[in-house]
């Protein structure tokens, strides 16, 4: 068990609690079966935990609308920052690094020869480029990673193009899903959104899973062959 501090700033005030790091991070990720009682190591809310300064009921009420410790702790972990150890950060980065190498070795090609690129060559280019691999979903950073690697090796992703039509009622929820792969968009007279997307082949299933989730399967799609 690794104890750490979770903190947040609300209404100009700092609030901190002592938590079990692994369980708090699991709770933050909505891991089933993990509750406030699993990660909370103290029933006190602090303004400065190291100095032992406890938050007043007035400050908690004005910032969170309650003085309930479990409710505040839940929001503090979900919305705030859970401090992690260097060891944990290194482990997370290594996992993400391996995910990137695996994804690119399966989905990227040499832009000049159109041959696959080996995992060893990708690792070497990643190290040489110094690209920052973040602890965010792969699809949210893959274009940035490719841009950095392209300065080292002639790399490009195998992609698939689709024409997607999203019903007007779901355009707000779905725009963030399609926008990162969008090449062109048109708003139709009935309010529907028609968009041309270019999706990395290895992310096509994930893309449509997310799109179907927010549109309840009502979006229409057609692959564009080139």
C-alpha atoms as a PDB file:
ATOM      1  CA  UNK A   1       0.000   0.000   0.000  1.00  0.00           C
ATOM      2  CA  UNK A   2       1.311   3.441  -0.945  1.00  0.00           C
ATOM      3  CA  UNK A   3      -0.153   6.429   0.885  1.00  0.00           C
ATOM      4  CA  UNK A   4      -0.298   9.728  -0.953  1.00  0.00           C
ATOM      5  CA  UNK A   5      -2.125  13.048  -1.074  1.00  0.00           C
ATOM      6  CA  UNK A   6      -5.093  13.859  -3.272  1.00  0.00           C
ATOM      7  CA  UNK A   7      -5.733  17.575  -3.691  1.00  0.00           C
ATOM      8  CA  UNK A   8      -7.972  20.067  -5.412  1.00  0.00           C
ATOM      9  CA  UNK A   9      -8.450  23.826  -5.527  1.00  0.00           C
ATOM     10  CA  UNK A  10     -12.034  25.058  -5.399  1.00  0.00           C
ATOM     11  CA  UNK A  11     -13.349  28.585  -4.964  1.00  0.00           C
ATOM     12  CA  UNK A  12      -9.776  29.758  -4.396  1.00  0.00           C
ATOM     13  CA  UNK A  13      -9.239  27.331  -1.518  1.00  0.00           C
ATOM     14  CA  UNK A  14      -7.001  24.241  -1.306  1.00  0.00           C
ATOM     15  CA  UNK A  15      -8.321  20.920  -0.015  1.00  0.00           C
ATOM     16  CA  UNK A  16      -6.313  17.751   0.616  1.00  0.00           C
ATOM     17  CA  UNK A  17      -6.884  14.205   1.895  1.00  0.00           C
ATOM     18  CA  UNK A  18      -4.686  11.188   2.580  1.00  0.00           C
ATOM     19  CA  UNK A  19      -5.463   8.226   0.325  1.00  0.00           C
ATOM     20  CA  UNK A  20      -4.184   4.854  -0.810  1.00  0.00           C
ATOM     21  CA  UNK A  21      -2.647   5.747  -4.174  1.00  0.00           C
ATOM     22  CA  UNK A  22      -3.519   2.612  -6.153  1.00  0.00           C
ATOM     23  CA  UNK A  23      -7.097   2.440  -4.899  1.00  0.00           C
ATOM     24  CA  UNK A  24      -7.664   6.170  -5.402  1.00  0.00           C
ATOM     25  CA  UNK A  25      -6.410   5.941  -8.983  1.00  0.00           C
ATOM     26  CA  UNK A  26      -8.685   2.937  -9.544  1.00  0.00           C
ATOM     27  CA  UNK A  27     -11.633   4.919  -8.173  1.00  0.00           C
ATOM     28  CA  UNK A  28     -10.719   7.848 -10.435  1.00  0.00           C
ATOM     29  CA  UNK A  29     -10.872   5.468 -13.421  1.00  0.00           C
ATOM     30  CA  UNK A  30     -14.327   4.183 -12.358  1.00  0.00           C
ATOM     31  CA  UNK A  31     -12.987   0.689 -11.648  1.00  0.00           C
ATOM     32  CA  UNK A  32     -15.921  -1.508 -10.543  1.00  0.00           C
ATOM     33  CA  UNK A  33     -15.992  -2.435  -6.877  1.00  0.00           C
ATOM     34  CA  UNK A  34     -13.791   0.446  -5.665  1.00  0.00           C
ATOM     35  CA  UNK A  35     -15.485   2.883  -3.297  1.00  0.00           C
ATOM     36  CA  UNK A  36     -14.489   5.839  -1.143  1.00  0.00           C
ATOM     37  CA  UNK A  37     -14.115   3.507   1.811  1.00  0.00           C
ATOM     38  CA  UNK A  38     -11.442   1.556  -0.071  1.00  0.00           C
ATOM     39  CA  UNK A  39      -9.043   4.463  -0.630  1.00  0.00           C
ATOM     40  CA  UNK A  40      -9.752   6.989   2.137  1.00  0.00           C
ATOM     41  CA  UNK A  41      -7.158   6.746   4.933  1.00  0.00           C
ATOM     42  CA  UNK A  42      -8.437   9.554   7.149  1.00  0.00           C
ATOM     43  CA  UNK A  43     -11.800  11.071   7.953  1.00  0.00           C
ATOM     44  CA  UNK A  44     -10.331  14.567   7.894  1.00  0.00           C
ATOM     45  CA  UNK A  45     -10.274  17.110   5.070  1.00  0.00           C
ATOM     46  CA  UNK A  46      -7.269  19.425   5.178  1.00  0.00           C
ATOM     47  CA  UNK A  47      -6.261  22.756   3.673  1.00  0.00           C
ATOM     48  CA  UNK A  48      -2.631  21.745   4.195  1.00  0.00           C
ATOM     49  CA  UNK A  49      -2.198  18.106   5.187  1.00  0.00           C
ATOM     50  CA  UNK A  50       1.525  18.295   5.920  1.00  0.00           C
ATOM     51  CA  UNK A  51       0.959  21.135   8.388  1.00  0.00           C
ATOM     52  CA  UNK A  52      -2.109  19.424   9.831  1.00  0.00           C
ATOM     53  CA  UNK A  53      -4.409  22.341   8.977  1.00  0.00           C
ATOM     54  CA  UNK A  54      -7.978  20.998   8.792  1.00  0.00           C
ATOM     55  CA  UNK A  55     -10.604  22.576   6.547  1.00  0.00           C
ATOM     56  CA  UNK A  56     -13.426  24.342   8.363  1.00  0.00           C
ATOM     57  CA  UNK A  57     -17.051  23.311   7.928  1.00  0.00           C
ATOM     58  CA  UNK A  58     -17.697  26.745   6.454  1.00  0.00           C
ATOM     59  CA  UNK A  59     -15.015  26.332   3.771  1.00  0.00           C
ATOM     60  CA  UNK A  60     -16.210  22.820   2.874  1.00  0.00           C
ATOM     61  CA  UNK A  61     -19.817  23.943   2.708  1.00  0.00           C
ATOM     62  CA  UNK A  62     -19.040  26.960   0.517  1.00  0.00           C
ATOM     63  CA  UNK A  63     -16.794  24.991  -1.848  1.00  0.00           C
ATOM     64  CA  UNK A  64     -18.540  21.604  -2.043  1.00  0.00           C
ATOM     65  CA  UNK A  65     -22.049  22.367  -0.799  1.00  0.00           C
ATOM     66  CA  UNK A  66     -21.639  19.747   1.940  1.00  0.00           C
ATOM     67  CA  UNK A  67     -19.512  18.773   4.911  1.00  0.00           C
ATOM     68  CA  UNK A  68     -19.879  15.043   4.258  1.00  0.00           C
ATOM     69  CA  UNK A  69     -16.347  13.625   4.171  1.00  0.00           C
ATOM     70  CA  UNK A  70     -17.148  10.752   1.802  1.00  0.00           C
ATOM     71  CA  UNK A  71     -18.872  13.038  -0.691  1.00  0.00           C
ATOM     72  CA  UNK A  72     -16.017  15.546  -0.603  1.00  0.00           C
ATOM     73  CA  UNK A  73     -13.385  12.798  -0.871  1.00  0.00           C
ATOM     74  CA  UNK A  74     -15.183  11.305  -3.862  1.00  0.00           C
ATOM     75  CA  UNK A  75     -15.272  14.605  -5.701  1.00  0.00           C
ATOM     76  CA  UNK A  76     -11.740  15.494  -4.671  1.00  0.00           C
ATOM     77  CA  UNK A  77     -10.312  12.312  -6.200  1.00  0.00           C
ATOM     78  CA  UNK A  78     -12.547  12.374  -9.298  1.00  0.00           C
ATOM     79  CA  UNK A  79     -12.018  16.038 -10.115  1.00  0.00           C
ATOM     80  CA  UNK A  80      -8.653  16.737  -8.529  1.00  0.00           C
ATOM     81  CA  UNK A  81      -5.092  15.384  -8.610  1.00  0.00           C
ATOM     82  CA  UNK A  82      -3.825  12.203  -7.007  1.00  0.00           C
ATOM     83  CA  UNK A  83      -0.090  12.499  -6.417  1.00  0.00           C
ATOM     84  CA  UNK A  84       1.842   9.528  -7.758  1.00  0.00           C
ATOM     85  CA  UNK A  85       5.320   8.184  -7.089  1.00  0.00           C
ATOM     86  CA  UNK A  86       8.126   8.290  -9.632  1.00  0.00           C
ATOM     87  CA  UNK A  87       8.029   4.502  -9.755  1.00  0.00           C
ATOM     88  CA  UNK A  88       4.326   4.530 -10.625  1.00  0.00           C
ATOM     89  CA  UNK A  89       4.816   7.197 -13.303  1.00  0.00           C
ATOM     90  CA  UNK A  90       7.647   5.155 -14.821  1.00  0.00           C
ATOM     91  CA  UNK A  91       5.484   2.024 -14.891  1.00  0.00           C
ATOM     92  CA  UNK A  92       2.602   3.885 -16.553  1.00  0.00           C
ATOM     93  CA  UNK A  93       4.930   5.403 -19.135  1.00  0.00           C
ATOM     94  CA  UNK A  94       6.428   1.988 -19.942  1.00  0.00           C
ATOM     95  CA  UNK A  95       2.951   0.532 -20.504  1.00  0.00           C
ATOM     96  CA  UNK A  96       2.020   3.437 -22.790  1.00  0.00           C
ATOM     97  CA  UNK A  97       5.355   3.163 -24.601  1.00  0.00           C
ATOM     98  CA  UNK A  98       4.732  -0.527 -25.336  1.00  0.00           C
ATOM     99  CA  UNK A  99       1.186   0.262 -26.527  1.00  0.00           C
ATOM    100  CA  UNK A 100       2.527   2.850 -28.973  1.00  0.00           C
ATOM    101  CA  UNK A 101       5.233   0.513 -30.310  1.00  0.00           C
ATOM    102  CA  UNK A 102       2.754  -2.339 -30.703  1.00  0.00           C
ATOM    103  CA  UNK A 103       0.170  -0.148 -32.432  1.00  0.00           C
ATOM    104  CA  UNK A 104       2.653   1.408 -34.870  1.00  0.00           C
ATOM    105  CA  UNK A 105       4.357  -1.882 -35.713  1.00  0.00           C
ATOM    106  CA  UNK A 106       0.924  -3.220 -36.744  1.00  0.00           C
ATOM    107  CA  UNK A 107      -0.517  -0.125 -38.419  1.00  0.00           C
ATOM    108  CA  UNK A 108       2.315   2.051 -39.734  1.00  0.00           C
ATOM    109  CA  UNK A 109       4.273   1.699 -42.962  1.00  0.00           C
ATOM    110  CA  UNK A 110       7.360   3.239 -44.516  1.00  0.00           C
ATOM    111  CA  UNK A 111       5.978   6.104 -46.594  1.00  0.00           C
ATOM    112  CA  UNK A 112       8.680   5.599 -49.236  1.00  0.00           C
ATOM    113  CA  UNK A 113       8.738   1.822 -49.649  1.00  0.00           C
ATOM    114  CA  UNK A 114       5.262   1.027 -48.210  1.00  0.00           C
ATOM    115  CA  UNK A 115       6.871  -1.802 -46.260  1.00  0.00           C
ATOM    116  CA  UNK A 116       6.011  -2.473 -42.611  1.00  0.00           C
ATOM    117  CA  UNK A 117       8.205  -0.820 -39.982  1.00  0.00           C
ATOM    118  CA  UNK A 118       9.753  -3.093 -37.376  1.00  0.00           C
ATOM    119  CA  UNK A 119       9.154  -2.579 -33.673  1.00  0.00           C
ATOM    120  CA  UNK A 120      12.901  -2.115 -33.169  1.00  0.00           C
ATOM    121  CA  UNK A 121      13.004   0.713 -35.715  1.00  0.00           C
ATOM    122  CA  UNK A 122       9.980   2.356 -34.105  1.00  0.00           C
ATOM    123  CA  UNK A 123      11.539   2.173 -30.631  1.00  0.00           C
ATOM    124  CA  UNK A 124      14.751   3.705 -31.944  1.00  0.00           C
ATOM    125  CA  UNK A 125      12.822   6.551 -33.605  1.00  0.00           C
ATOM    126  CA  UNK A 126      10.758   7.152 -30.468  1.00  0.00           C
ATOM    127  CA  UNK A 127      13.891   7.433 -28.357  1.00  0.00           C
ATOM    128  CA  UNK A 128      15.648   9.673 -30.873  1.00  0.00           C
ATOM    129  CA  UNK A 129      12.661  11.993 -31.330  1.00  0.00           C
ATOM    130  CA  UNK A 130      12.167  12.441 -27.606  1.00  0.00           C
ATOM    131  CA  UNK A 131       8.409  12.482 -28.132  1.00  0.00           C
ATOM    132  CA  UNK A 132       6.392  12.826 -24.939  1.00  0.00           C
ATOM    133  CA  UNK A 133       4.092   9.814 -24.613  1.00  0.00           C
ATOM    134  CA  UNK A 134       1.250  10.936 -22.375  1.00  0.00           C
ATOM    135  CA  UNK A 135      -1.008   9.011 -20.046  1.00  0.00           C
ATOM    136  CA  UNK A 136      -4.037   9.613 -22.279  1.00  0.00           C
ATOM    137  CA  UNK A 137      -5.867   7.360 -24.765  1.00  0.00           C
ATOM    138  CA  UNK A 138      -3.736   6.434 -27.768  1.00  0.00           C
ATOM    139  CA  UNK A 139      -6.148   7.971 -30.273  1.00  0.00           C
ATOM    140  CA  UNK A 140      -5.777  11.353 -28.557  1.00  0.00           C
ATOM    141  CA  UNK A 141      -2.032  11.530 -29.160  1.00  0.00           C
ATOM    142  CA  UNK A 142      -1.224   9.296 -32.121  1.00  0.00           C
ATOM    143  CA  UNK A 143      -1.178  12.156 -34.663  1.00  0.00           C
ATOM    144  CA  UNK A 144       1.248  14.112 -32.497  1.00  0.00           C
ATOM    145  CA  UNK A 145       3.464  11.041 -32.130  1.00  0.00           C
ATOM    146  CA  UNK A 146       3.436  10.389 -35.893  1.00  0.00           C
ATOM    147  CA  UNK A 147       4.348  14.017 -36.560  1.00  0.00           C
ATOM    148  CA  UNK A 148       7.377  13.736 -34.279  1.00  0.00           C
ATOM    149  CA  UNK A 149       8.470  10.386 -35.708  1.00  0.00           C
ATOM    150  CA  UNK A 150       8.152  11.600 -39.309  1.00  0.00           C
ATOM    151  CA  UNK A 151      11.102  13.901 -38.654  1.00  0.00           C
ATOM    152  CA  UNK A 152      13.209  10.806 -37.967  1.00  0.00           C
ATOM    153  CA  UNK A 153      11.794   8.130 -40.305  1.00  0.00           C
ATOM    154  CA  UNK A 154       9.394   8.215 -43.298  1.00  0.00           C
ATOM    155  CA  UNK A 155       6.380   6.902 -41.410  1.00  0.00           C
ATOM    156  CA  UNK A 156       2.670   7.007 -42.165  1.00  0.00           C
ATOM    157  CA  UNK A 157      -0.374   5.202 -40.836  1.00  0.00           C
ATOM    158  CA  UNK A 158      -2.526   2.886 -42.867  1.00  0.00           C
ATOM    159  CA  UNK A 159      -5.905   4.578 -42.751  1.00  0.00           C
ATOM    160  CA  UNK A 160      -9.477   4.046 -43.918  1.00  0.00           C
ATOM    161  CA  UNK A 161     -11.813   6.769 -45.107  1.00  0.00           C
ATOM    162  CA  UNK A 162     -15.506   6.928 -44.306  1.00  0.00           C
ATOM    163  CA  UNK A 163     -18.409   9.231 -45.013  1.00  0.00           C
ATOM    164  CA  UNK A 164     -20.426   9.509 -41.822  1.00  0.00           C
ATOM    165  CA  UNK A 165     -23.827  11.128 -41.365  1.00  0.00           C
ATOM    166  CA  UNK A 166     -24.826  11.945 -37.795  1.00  0.00           C
ATOM    167  CA  UNK A 167     -28.485  12.773 -37.018  1.00  0.00           C
ATOM    168  CA  UNK A 168     -29.001  16.357 -35.856  1.00  0.00           C
ATOM    169  CA  UNK A 169     -30.072  15.304 -32.370  1.00  0.00           C
ATOM    170  CA  UNK A 170     -26.669  13.671 -31.703  1.00  0.00           C
ATOM    171  CA  UNK A 171     -24.277  16.114 -33.393  1.00  0.00           C
ATOM    172  CA  UNK A 172     -23.267  17.787 -30.123  1.00  0.00           C
ATOM    173  CA  UNK A 173     -22.325  14.541 -28.393  1.00  0.00           C
ATOM    174  CA  UNK A 174     -20.613  13.024 -31.427  1.00  0.00           C
ATOM    175  CA  UNK A 175     -18.612  16.015 -32.657  1.00  0.00           C
ATOM    176  CA  UNK A 176     -15.679  15.293 -30.362  1.00  0.00           C
ATOM    177  CA  UNK A 177     -15.563  11.702 -31.638  1.00  0.00           C
ATOM    178  CA  UNK A 178     -15.395  12.603 -35.343  1.00  0.00           C
ATOM    179  CA  UNK A 179     -13.489  15.871 -35.099  1.00  0.00           C
ATOM    180  CA  UNK A 180     -10.040  14.378 -34.474  1.00  0.00           C
ATOM    181  CA  UNK A 181     -10.259  12.356 -37.729  1.00  0.00           C
ATOM    182  CA  UNK A 182     -12.222  14.893 -39.771  1.00  0.00           C
ATOM    183  CA  UNK A 183     -11.089  15.878 -43.254  1.00  0.00           C
ATOM    184  CA  UNK A 184     -14.246  17.698 -44.317  1.00  0.00           C
ATOM    185  CA  UNK A 185     -17.607  18.505 -42.797  1.00  0.00           C
ATOM    186  CA  UNK A 186     -20.945  19.655 -44.183  1.00  0.00           C
ATOM    187  CA  UNK A 187     -24.037  20.646 -42.248  1.00  0.00           C
ATOM    188  CA  UNK A 188     -27.106  19.418 -44.092  1.00  0.00           C
ATOM    189  CA  UNK A 189     -30.358  21.347 -44.391  1.00  0.00           C
ATOM    190  CA  UNK A 190     -32.085  19.123 -41.841  1.00  0.00           C
ATOM    191  CA  UNK A 191     -29.356  19.743 -39.245  1.00  0.00           C
ATOM    192  CA  UNK A 192     -27.557  16.430 -39.774  1.00  0.00           C
ATOM    193  CA  UNK A 193     -23.761  16.472 -39.860  1.00  0.00           C
ATOM    194  CA  UNK A 194     -22.026  14.836 -42.816  1.00  0.00           C
ATOM    195  CA  UNK A 195     -18.321  14.377 -42.262  1.00  0.00           C
ATOM    196  CA  UNK A 196     -15.457  12.702 -44.096  1.00  0.00           C
ATOM    197  CA  UNK A 197     -13.109  11.005 -41.658  1.00  0.00           C
ATOM    198  CA  UNK A 198      -9.728   9.379 -42.170  1.00  0.00           C
ATOM    199  CA  UNK A 199      -9.218   6.862 -39.336  1.00  0.00           C
ATOM    200  CA  UNK A 200      -6.084   4.800 -38.610  1.00  0.00           C
ATOM    201  CA  UNK A 201      -6.926   1.210 -39.558  1.00  0.00           C
ATOM    202  CA  UNK A 202      -6.152  -0.050 -36.080  1.00  0.00           C
ATOM    203  CA  UNK A 203      -8.574   2.407 -34.494  1.00  0.00           C
ATOM    204  CA  UNK A 204     -11.568   1.886 -36.804  1.00  0.00           C
ATOM    205  CA  UNK A 205     -13.370  -0.484 -34.432  1.00  0.00           C
ATOM    206  CA  UNK A 206     -12.780   1.794 -31.466  1.00  0.00           C
ATOM    207  CA  UNK A 207     -13.968   4.813 -33.487  1.00  0.00           C
ATOM    208  CA  UNK A 208     -17.256   3.186 -34.439  1.00  0.00           C
ATOM    209  CA  UNK A 209     -17.775   1.789 -30.942  1.00  0.00           C
ATOM    210  CA  UNK A 210     -17.604   5.332 -29.544  1.00  0.00           C
ATOM    211  CA  UNK A 211     -19.694   6.808 -32.366  1.00  0.00           C
ATOM    212  CA  UNK A 212     -22.411   4.183 -32.000  1.00  0.00           C
ATOM    213  CA  UNK A 213     -22.415   4.666 -28.247  1.00  0.00           C
ATOM    214  CA  UNK A 214     -23.177   8.397 -28.415  1.00  0.00           C
ATOM    215  CA  UNK A 215     -25.601   8.120 -31.356  1.00  0.00           C
ATOM    216  CA  UNK A 216     -27.290   4.901 -30.178  1.00  0.00           C
ATOM    217  CA  UNK A 217     -26.327   3.260 -33.473  1.00  0.00           C
ATOM    218  CA  UNK A 218     -28.173   5.831 -35.591  1.00  0.00           C
ATOM    219  CA  UNK A 219     -25.161   7.254 -37.479  1.00  0.00           C
ATOM    220  CA  UNK A 220     -24.843   6.128 -41.094  1.00  0.00           C
ATOM    221  CA  UNK A 221     -21.443   5.330 -42.539  1.00  0.00           C
ATOM    222  CA  UNK A 222     -19.934   4.355 -45.872  1.00  0.00           C
ATOM    223  CA  UNK A 223     -16.322   3.398 -46.541  1.00  0.00           C
ATOM    224  CA  UNK A 224     -14.706   5.427 -49.292  1.00  0.00           C
ATOM    225  CA  UNK A 225     -12.420   3.311 -51.442  1.00  0.00           C
ATOM    226  CA  UNK A 226      -9.541   5.086 -53.130  1.00  0.00           C
END
